[in-house]
Protein backbone atom coordinates (compact mmCIF):
# COMPACT_ATOMS: atom_id res chain seq x y z
CA UNK A 1 -10.12 -20.04 40.13
CA UNK A 2 -9.50 -19.78 36.51
CA UNK A 3 -10.93 -16.27 36.26
CA UNK A 4 -8.78 -15.15 39.17
CA UNK A 5 -5.69 -16.34 37.35
CA UNK A 6 -6.86 -14.50 34.17
CA UNK A 7 -7.48 -11.26 36.03
CA UNK A 8 -4.12 -11.42 37.84
CA UNK A 9 -2.38 -12.19 34.52
CA UNK A 10 -4.10 -9.29 32.85
CA UNK A 11 -3.07 -6.87 35.72
CA UNK A 12 0.49 -8.09 35.45
CA UNK A 13 0.90 -7.60 31.77
CA UNK A 14 -1.30 -4.49 31.20
CA UNK A 15 -0.97 -2.31 34.29
CA UNK A 16 1.05 0.89 33.84
CA UNK A 17 4.56 1.20 35.03
CA UNK A 18 4.70 -2.52 36.20
CA UNK A 19 2.99 -1.69 39.50
CA UNK A 20 1.50 -5.06 39.96
CA UNK A 21 4.73 -6.99 39.01
CA UNK A 22 6.60 -4.67 41.38
CA UNK A 23 4.31 -5.45 44.23
CA UNK A 24 4.36 -9.18 43.49
CA UNK A 25 8.17 -9.17 43.39
CA UNK A 26 8.44 -8.01 46.94
CA UNK A 27 9.80 -10.85 49.26
CA UNK A 28 6.85 -11.01 51.71
CA UNK A 29 4.29 -11.07 49.05
CA UNK A 30 6.24 -13.55 46.96
CA UNK A 31 6.51 -15.88 50.08
CA UNK A 32 2.73 -15.72 50.53
CA UNK A 33 2.17 -16.51 46.88
CA UNK A 34 4.52 -19.33 46.85
CA UNK A 35 2.75 -20.81 49.90
CA UNK A 36 -0.56 -20.52 48.18
CA UNK A 37 0.82 -22.36 45.27
CA UNK A 38 2.02 -25.24 47.44
CA UNK A 39 -1.44 -25.53 49.07
CA UNK A 40 -3.09 -25.75 45.74
CA UNK A 41 -0.55 -28.37 44.61
CA UNK A 42 -1.33 -30.29 47.76
CA UNK A 43 -5.06 -30.23 47.23
CA UNK A 44 -4.50 -31.45 43.61
CA UNK A 45 -2.42 -34.41 44.80
CA UNK A 46 -4.91 -35.23 47.55
CA UNK A 47 -7.67 -35.22 44.78
CA UNK A 48 -5.70 -37.62 42.72
CA UNK A 49 -5.12 -39.87 45.63
CA UNK A 50 -8.80 -39.79 46.60
CA UNK A 51 -9.94 -40.53 43.07
CA UNK A 52 -7.51 -43.46 42.72
CA UNK A 53 -8.63 -44.85 46.14
CA UNK A 54 -12.24 -44.93 44.99
CA UNK A 55 -11.22 -47.16 42.09
CA UNK A 56 -8.27 -49.07 43.44
CA UNK A 57 -8.89 -49.67 47.16
CA UNK A 58 -6.20 -52.18 47.86
CA UNK A 59 -3.35 -50.76 45.64
CA UNK A 60 -1.24 -48.33 47.50
CA UNK A 61 1.25 -47.94 44.57
CA UNK A 62 -1.49 -46.90 42.11
CA UNK A 63 -2.79 -44.38 44.51
CA UNK A 64 0.76 -42.89 45.01
CA UNK A 65 1.34 -42.84 41.18
CA UNK A 66 -1.91 -41.13 40.32
CA UNK A 67 -1.48 -38.53 43.03
CA UNK A 68 2.02 -37.86 41.91
CA UNK A 69 0.96 -37.59 38.20
CA UNK A 70 -1.86 -35.23 39.28
């Protein structure tokens, strides 16, 4: 995942005539990228809740706090 981000960042900053940025700024592609960002955020929160659940089985508040912080 990190290498994909690095590659995209390289293309945005070093592509001639801002071609990659211009494509990413189009509304349909921007909506898709925003949706992908929200899916990633959801998976991170779920990972935090799952991790907290394995250690604090009966504490719902701790699970919510760790998922939110993650």
